[in-house]
Amino acid sequence: QLQASGGGLVQAGGSLRLSCAASGLPFSSYAMGWFRQAPGKEREFVAVISRSGGGTDYADSVKGRFTISRDNAKNTVSLQMNSLKPEDTAVYYCAGAPILGIATTNRRYEYWGQGTLVTVSS
């Protein structure tokens, strides 16, 4: 089970930190990703971190602004979001993929959290 939290309302240029707590799965054996879905749009990849934390990848739209990290001792993955823009408004989902490397396509992910809403006002 994955439980995402940390969403909320923030002004453009502000910051938020999302967290995702995992239970019931071998967390350190899963690459962890963040995806988002804006109203009327398809779910899209945001960021991913490998099992060990040594590999990461980001969508071009968030590179340089978002940072993904994980703590395998606490079974948590986080997404630090800085310089937020109105177009970052979406429901953000954490997900887990039982792979060695990283994956940017949602079909590789087995576990999904319930989502947390991020709203960025202009």
N, C-alpha and C. Protein backbone atom coordinates (compact mmCIF):
# COMPACT_ATOMS: atom_id res chain seq x y z
N GLN A 1 0.84 -1.19 0.00
CA GLN A 1 0.00 0.00 0.00
C GLN A 1 0.89 1.25 0.00
N LEU A 2 0.47 2.23 -0.77
CA LEU A 2 1.20 3.50 -0.84
C LEU A 2 0.27 4.62 -0.41
N GLN A 3 0.74 5.48 0.46
CA GLN A 3 -0.05 6.58 0.98
C GLN A 3 0.68 7.88 0.72
N ALA A 4 0.13 8.68 -0.19
CA ALA A 4 0.73 9.96 -0.53
C ALA A 4 0.14 11.08 0.31
N SER A 5 0.96 12.07 0.60
CA SER A 5 0.51 13.22 1.38
C SER A 5 1.34 14.44 1.03
N GLY A 6 0.91 15.59 1.51
CA GLY A 6 1.68 16.80 1.33
C GLY A 6 1.13 17.77 0.31
N GLY A 7 0.08 17.41 -0.38
CA GLY A 7 -0.49 18.32 -1.35
C GLY A 7 -1.17 19.50 -0.69
N GLY A 8 -1.52 20.48 -1.50
CA GLY A 8 -2.20 21.65 -0.97
C GLY A 8 -2.24 22.76 -1.98
N LEU A 9 -2.60 23.94 -1.49
CA LEU A 9 -2.70 25.13 -2.33
C LEU A 9 -1.48 26.01 -2.08
N VAL A 10 -0.83 26.41 -3.17
CA VAL A 10 0.37 27.25 -3.05
C VAL A 10 0.36 28.26 -4.19
N GLN A 11 0.96 29.41 -3.95
CA GLN A 11 1.07 30.41 -5.00
C GLN A 11 2.20 30.07 -5.96
N ALA A 12 2.07 30.56 -7.16
CA ALA A 12 3.13 30.36 -8.15
C ALA A 12 4.45 30.86 -7.59
N GLY A 13 5.49 30.08 -7.83
CA GLY A 13 6.80 30.40 -7.30
C GLY A 13 7.09 29.76 -5.95
N GLY A 14 6.07 29.21 -5.34
CA GLY A 14 6.23 28.58 -4.04
C GLY A 14 6.72 27.15 -4.11
N SER A 15 6.75 26.50 -2.96
CA SER A 15 7.28 25.14 -2.85
C SER A 15 6.33 24.25 -2.06
N LEU A 16 6.38 22.98 -2.38
CA LEU A 16 5.68 21.94 -1.64
C LEU A 16 6.55 20.70 -1.61
N ARG A 17 6.37 19.92 -0.58
CA ARG A 17 7.08 18.63 -0.49
C ARG A 17 6.05 17.53 -0.33
N LEU A 18 6.01 16.64 -1.29
CA LEU A 18 5.12 15.49 -1.23
C LEU A 18 5.87 14.30 -0.63
N SER A 19 5.14 13.50 0.12
CA SER A 19 5.72 12.30 0.70
C SER A 19 4.82 11.10 0.39
N CYS A 20 5.43 9.96 0.34
CA CYS A 20 4.70 8.72 0.07
C CYS A 20 5.25 7.65 1.00
N ALA A 21 4.39 7.09 1.82
CA ALA A 21 4.78 6.04 2.75
C ALA A 21 4.31 4.69 2.23
N ALA A 22 5.21 3.73 2.23
CA ALA A 22 4.90 2.40 1.73
C ALA A 22 4.76 1.39 2.86
N SER A 23 3.84 0.47 2.68
CA SER A 23 3.69 -0.62 3.64
C SER A 23 3.24 -1.87 2.88
N GLY A 24 3.64 -3.02 3.40
CA GLY A 24 3.20 -4.27 2.80
C GLY A 24 3.90 -4.67 1.53
N LEU A 25 5.00 -4.00 1.19
CA LEU A 25 5.77 -4.40 0.02
C LEU A 25 7.25 -4.23 0.33
N PRO A 26 8.10 -5.00 -0.33
CA PRO A 26 9.55 -4.89 -0.10
C PRO A 26 10.06 -3.61 -0.74
N PHE A 27 9.96 -2.52 -0.02
CA PHE A 27 10.16 -1.18 -0.57
C PHE A 27 11.49 -1.05 -1.29
N SER A 28 12.55 -1.58 -0.71
CA SER A 28 13.88 -1.41 -1.30
C SER A 28 14.06 -2.22 -2.58
N SER A 29 13.09 -3.03 -2.94
CA SER A 29 13.13 -3.78 -4.19
C SER A 29 12.33 -3.11 -5.30
N TYR A 30 11.81 -1.94 -5.03
CA TYR A 30 10.97 -1.24 -5.98
C TYR A 30 11.57 0.11 -6.36
N ALA A 31 11.63 0.37 -7.67
CA ALA A 31 11.82 1.73 -8.11
C ALA A 31 10.54 2.50 -7.78
N MET A 32 10.69 3.75 -7.41
CA MET A 32 9.53 4.55 -7.02
C MET A 32 9.40 5.76 -7.93
N GLY A 33 8.18 6.00 -8.35
CA GLY A 33 7.94 7.11 -9.26
C GLY A 33 6.82 8.01 -8.78
N TRP A 34 6.80 9.20 -9.34
CA TRP A 34 5.71 10.14 -9.16
C TRP A 34 5.11 10.43 -10.53
N PHE A 35 3.80 10.39 -10.59
CA PHE A 35 3.06 10.75 -11.79
C PHE A 35 2.03 11.81 -11.40
N ARG A 36 1.48 12.48 -12.39
CA ARG A 36 0.45 13.46 -12.10
C ARG A 36 -0.61 13.44 -13.20
N GLN A 37 -1.80 13.86 -12.80
CA GLN A 37 -2.89 13.94 -13.75
C GLN A 37 -3.66 15.23 -13.52
N ALA A 38 -3.62 16.08 -14.52
CA ALA A 38 -4.36 17.34 -14.48
C ALA A 38 -5.77 17.11 -15.01
N PRO A 39 -6.71 17.97 -14.64
CA PRO A 39 -8.09 17.81 -15.11
C PRO A 39 -8.17 17.75 -16.62
N GLY A 40 -8.84 16.72 -17.13
CA GLY A 40 -9.02 16.58 -18.56
C GLY A 40 -7.81 16.08 -19.33
N LYS A 41 -6.76 15.71 -18.60
CA LYS A 41 -5.55 15.24 -19.26
C LYS A 41 -5.19 13.83 -18.81
N GLU A 42 -4.33 13.18 -19.58
CA GLU A 42 -3.87 11.85 -19.21
C GLU A 42 -2.82 11.94 -18.09
N ARG A 43 -2.69 10.84 -17.38
CA ARG A 43 -1.66 10.78 -16.36
C ARG A 43 -0.29 10.83 -17.02
N GLU A 44 0.63 11.59 -16.44
CA GLU A 44 1.96 11.74 -17.02
C GLU A 44 3.04 11.51 -15.99
N PHE A 45 4.17 11.07 -16.50
CA PHE A 45 5.34 10.84 -15.67
C PHE A 45 5.91 12.15 -15.16
N VAL A 46 6.37 12.13 -13.89
CA VAL A 46 7.01 13.31 -13.30
C VAL A 46 8.46 13.01 -12.93
N ALA A 47 8.67 11.96 -12.12
CA ALA A 47 10.02 11.65 -11.64
C ALA A 47 10.08 10.20 -11.20
N VAL A 48 11.28 9.66 -11.21
CA VAL A 48 11.49 8.28 -10.76
C VAL A 48 12.85 8.19 -10.09
N ILE A 49 12.94 7.27 -9.13
CA ILE A 49 14.19 7.00 -8.44
C ILE A 49 14.38 5.49 -8.35
N SER A 50 15.59 5.03 -8.58
CA SER A 50 15.88 3.61 -8.57
C SER A 50 15.82 3.04 -7.16
N ARG A 51 15.92 1.74 -7.07
CA ARG A 51 15.81 1.05 -5.78
C ARG A 51 16.81 1.57 -4.76
N SER A 52 18.02 1.77 -5.21
CA SER A 52 19.07 2.21 -4.29
C SER A 52 19.10 3.72 -4.10
N GLY A 53 18.42 4.42 -4.99
CA GLY A 53 18.46 5.88 -4.97
C GLY A 53 19.56 6.45 -5.83
N GLY A 54 20.34 5.59 -6.46
CA GLY A 54 21.46 6.06 -7.25
C GLY A 54 21.10 6.57 -8.63
N GLY A 55 19.90 6.24 -9.09
CA GLY A 55 19.47 6.69 -10.41
C GLY A 55 18.15 7.43 -10.33
N THR A 56 18.07 8.54 -11.05
CA THR A 56 16.85 9.33 -11.09
C THR A 56 16.59 9.80 -12.52
N ASP A 57 15.35 10.16 -12.79
CA ASP A 57 15.00 10.75 -14.06
C ASP A 57 13.78 11.65 -13.83
N TYR A 58 13.69 12.67 -14.67
CA TYR A 58 12.62 13.65 -14.51
C TYR A 58 12.00 13.98 -15.86
N ALA A 59 10.74 14.35 -15.83
CA ALA A 59 10.13 14.90 -17.02
C ALA A 59 10.79 16.24 -17.33
N ASP A 60 10.90 16.56 -18.60
CA ASP A 60 11.55 17.81 -18.99
C ASP A 60 10.87 19.01 -18.33
N SER A 61 9.58 18.93 -18.15
CA SER A 61 8.82 20.06 -17.62
C SER A 61 9.14 20.38 -16.16
N VAL A 62 9.77 19.45 -15.45
CA VAL A 62 10.06 19.67 -14.03
C VAL A 62 11.54 19.65 -13.71
N LYS A 63 12.38 19.35 -14.69
CA LYS A 63 13.82 19.30 -14.45
C LYS A 63 14.32 20.62 -13.92
N GLY A 64 15.15 20.54 -12.89
CA GLY A 64 15.70 21.73 -12.28
C GLY A 64 14.81 22.35 -11.22
N ARG A 65 13.57 21.90 -11.14
CA ARG A 65 12.63 22.45 -10.15
C ARG A 65 12.21 21.40 -9.11
N PHE A 66 12.10 20.15 -9.54
CA PHE A 66 11.66 19.07 -8.65
C PHE A 66 12.83 18.16 -8.34
N THR A 67 12.82 17.59 -7.13
CA THR A 67 13.84 16.63 -6.72
C THR A 67 13.17 15.45 -6.02
N ILE A 68 13.47 14.26 -6.51
CA ILE A 68 12.93 13.04 -5.89
C ILE A 68 14.00 12.43 -5.01
N SER A 69 13.58 11.88 -3.88
CA SER A 69 14.51 11.22 -2.96
C SER A 69 13.76 10.09 -2.25
N ARG A 70 14.53 9.20 -1.64
CA ARG A 70 13.91 8.09 -0.93
C ARG A 70 14.72 7.76 0.32
N ASP A 71 14.04 7.16 1.29
CA ASP A 71 14.67 6.69 2.51
C ASP A 71 14.23 5.24 2.68
N ASN A 72 15.09 4.32 2.32
CA ASN A 72 14.71 2.90 2.39
C ASN A 72 14.55 2.41 3.83
N ALA A 73 15.18 3.06 4.77
CA ALA A 73 15.03 2.68 6.17
C ALA A 73 13.64 3.04 6.69
N LYS A 74 13.06 4.08 6.13
CA LYS A 74 11.73 4.53 6.57
C LYS A 74 10.63 4.18 5.58
N ASN A 75 11.00 3.53 4.47
CA ASN A 75 10.02 3.15 3.44
C ASN A 75 9.24 4.36 2.92
N THR A 76 9.97 5.41 2.63
CA THR A 76 9.32 6.62 2.13
C THR A 76 10.04 7.15 0.89
N VAL A 77 9.28 7.80 0.04
CA VAL A 77 9.80 8.51 -1.12
C VAL A 77 9.19 9.91 -1.10
N SER A 78 9.99 10.90 -1.45
CA SER A 78 9.54 12.28 -1.39
C SER A 78 9.77 12.98 -2.73
N LEU A 79 9.01 14.03 -2.93
CA LEU A 79 9.16 14.87 -4.11
C LEU A 79 9.17 16.32 -3.65
N GLN A 80 10.33 16.94 -3.70
CA GLN A 80 10.46 18.35 -3.37
C GLN A 80 10.17 19.16 -4.63
N MET A 81 9.17 20.03 -4.55
CA MET A 81 8.76 20.81 -5.71
C MET A 81 8.99 22.29 -5.43
N ASN A 82 9.86 22.89 -6.19
CA ASN A 82 10.18 24.31 -6.05
C ASN A 82 9.76 25.07 -7.30
N SER A 83 9.68 26.37 -7.17
CA SER A 83 9.33 27.24 -8.30
C SER A 83 8.08 26.72 -9.01
N LEU A 84 7.08 26.46 -8.24
CA LEU A 84 5.86 25.87 -8.80
C LEU A 84 5.15 26.83 -9.74
N LYS A 85 4.54 26.24 -10.76
CA LYS A 85 3.83 27.00 -11.78
C LYS A 85 2.37 26.54 -11.81
N PRO A 86 1.48 27.38 -12.29
CA PRO A 86 0.07 26.97 -12.38
C PRO A 86 -0.11 25.67 -13.17
N GLU A 87 0.74 25.44 -14.16
CA GLU A 87 0.61 24.22 -14.96
C GLU A 87 1.06 22.97 -14.21
N ASP A 88 1.59 23.12 -13.00
CA ASP A 88 1.91 21.97 -12.16
C ASP A 88 0.67 21.48 -11.39
N THR A 89 -0.42 22.21 -11.49
CA THR A 89 -1.64 21.81 -10.81
C THR A 89 -2.12 20.46 -11.31
N ALA A 90 -2.30 19.53 -10.38
CA ALA A 90 -2.68 18.16 -10.75
C ALA A 90 -2.84 17.34 -9.48
N VAL A 91 -3.40 16.15 -9.66
CA VAL A 91 -3.33 15.14 -8.61
C VAL A 91 -2.04 14.36 -8.82
N TYR A 92 -1.25 14.26 -7.78
CA TYR A 92 0.05 13.60 -7.85
C TYR A 92 -0.06 12.21 -7.21
N TYR A 93 0.46 11.23 -7.92
CA TYR A 93 0.42 9.84 -7.48
C TYR A 93 1.84 9.30 -7.32
N CYS A 94 2.06 8.57 -6.23
CA CYS A 94 3.29 7.81 -6.13
C CYS A 94 3.01 6.38 -6.58
N ALA A 95 4.04 5.72 -7.09
CA ALA A 95 3.87 4.38 -7.62
C ALA A 95 5.16 3.59 -7.47
N GLY A 96 5.02 2.27 -7.41
CA GLY A 96 6.18 1.40 -7.25
C GLY A 96 6.29 0.39 -8.37
N ALA A 97 7.50 0.21 -8.89
CA ALA A 97 7.77 -0.73 -9.98
C ALA A 97 8.84 -1.72 -9.54
N PRO A 98 8.59 -3.02 -9.68
CA PRO A 98 9.55 -4.04 -9.24
C PRO A 98 10.64 -4.26 -10.28
N ILE A 99 11.44 -3.24 -10.53
CA ILE A 99 12.46 -3.30 -11.57
C ILE A 99 13.80 -2.91 -11.00
N LEU A 100 14.84 -3.28 -11.70
CA LEU A 100 16.19 -2.98 -11.24
C LEU A 100 16.56 -1.52 -11.50
N GLY A 101 16.16 -0.99 -12.64
CA GLY A 101 16.55 0.36 -13.01
C GLY A 101 15.47 1.37 -12.72
N ILE A 102 15.11 2.15 -13.73
CA ILE A 102 14.06 3.15 -13.61
C ILE A 102 13.09 3.00 -14.77
N ALA A 103 11.89 3.53 -14.60
CA ALA A 103 10.88 3.43 -15.65
C ALA A 103 10.07 4.71 -15.67
N THR A 104 9.77 5.17 -16.86
CA THR A 104 8.99 6.40 -17.00
C THR A 104 7.60 6.15 -17.56
N THR A 105 7.28 4.90 -17.86
CA THR A 105 5.95 4.57 -18.37
C THR A 105 5.14 3.90 -17.28
N ASN A 106 3.87 4.29 -17.16
CA ASN A 106 3.10 3.81 -16.03
C ASN A 106 2.79 2.31 -16.10
N ARG A 107 2.93 1.70 -17.23
CA ARG A 107 2.62 0.27 -17.34
C ARG A 107 3.61 -0.59 -16.56
N ARG A 108 4.76 -0.02 -16.20
CA ARG A 108 5.77 -0.79 -15.45
C ARG A 108 5.49 -0.82 -13.95
N TYR A 109 4.52 -0.03 -13.51
CA TYR A 109 4.29 0.14 -12.09
C TYR A 109 3.15 -0.75 -11.59
N GLU A 110 3.39 -1.44 -10.49
CA GLU A 110 2.40 -2.36 -9.94
C GLU A 110 1.56 -1.74 -8.85
N TYR A 111 2.17 -0.91 -8.03
CA TYR A 111 1.47 -0.32 -6.89
C TYR A 111 1.28 1.17 -7.12
N TRP A 112 0.09 1.65 -6.76
CA TRP A 112 -0.23 3.06 -6.91
C TRP A 112 -0.86 3.59 -5.62
N GLY A 113 -0.47 4.80 -5.24
CA GLY A 113 -1.10 5.46 -4.12
C GLY A 113 -2.40 6.12 -4.55
N GLN A 114 -3.08 6.72 -3.59
CA GLN A 114 -4.41 7.27 -3.85
C GLN A 114 -4.37 8.67 -4.45
N GLY A 115 -3.23 9.31 -4.44
CA GLY A 115 -3.11 10.64 -5.03
C GLY A 115 -3.28 11.74 -4.00
N THR A 116 -2.58 12.83 -4.25
CA THR A 116 -2.70 14.03 -3.41
C THR A 116 -2.77 15.23 -4.34
N LEU A 117 -3.68 16.14 -4.07
CA LEU A 117 -3.95 17.27 -4.96
C LEU A 117 -3.00 18.43 -4.69
N VAL A 118 -2.39 18.90 -5.76
CA VAL A 118 -1.55 20.10 -5.71
C VAL A 118 -2.21 21.16 -6.59
N THR A 119 -2.46 22.30 -6.00
CA THR A 119 -3.07 23.42 -6.73
C THR A 119 -2.14 24.62 -6.64
N VAL A 120 -1.73 25.13 -7.78
CA VAL A 120 -0.83 26.28 -7.83
C VAL A 120 -1.60 27.46 -8.42
N SER A 121 -1.75 28.49 -7.63
CA SER A 121 -2.49 29.67 -8.08
C SER A 121 -1.56 30.69 -8.70
N SER A 122 -2.07 31.41 -9.67
CA SER A 122 -1.24 32.40 -10.37
C SER A 122 -1.29 33.76 -9.68
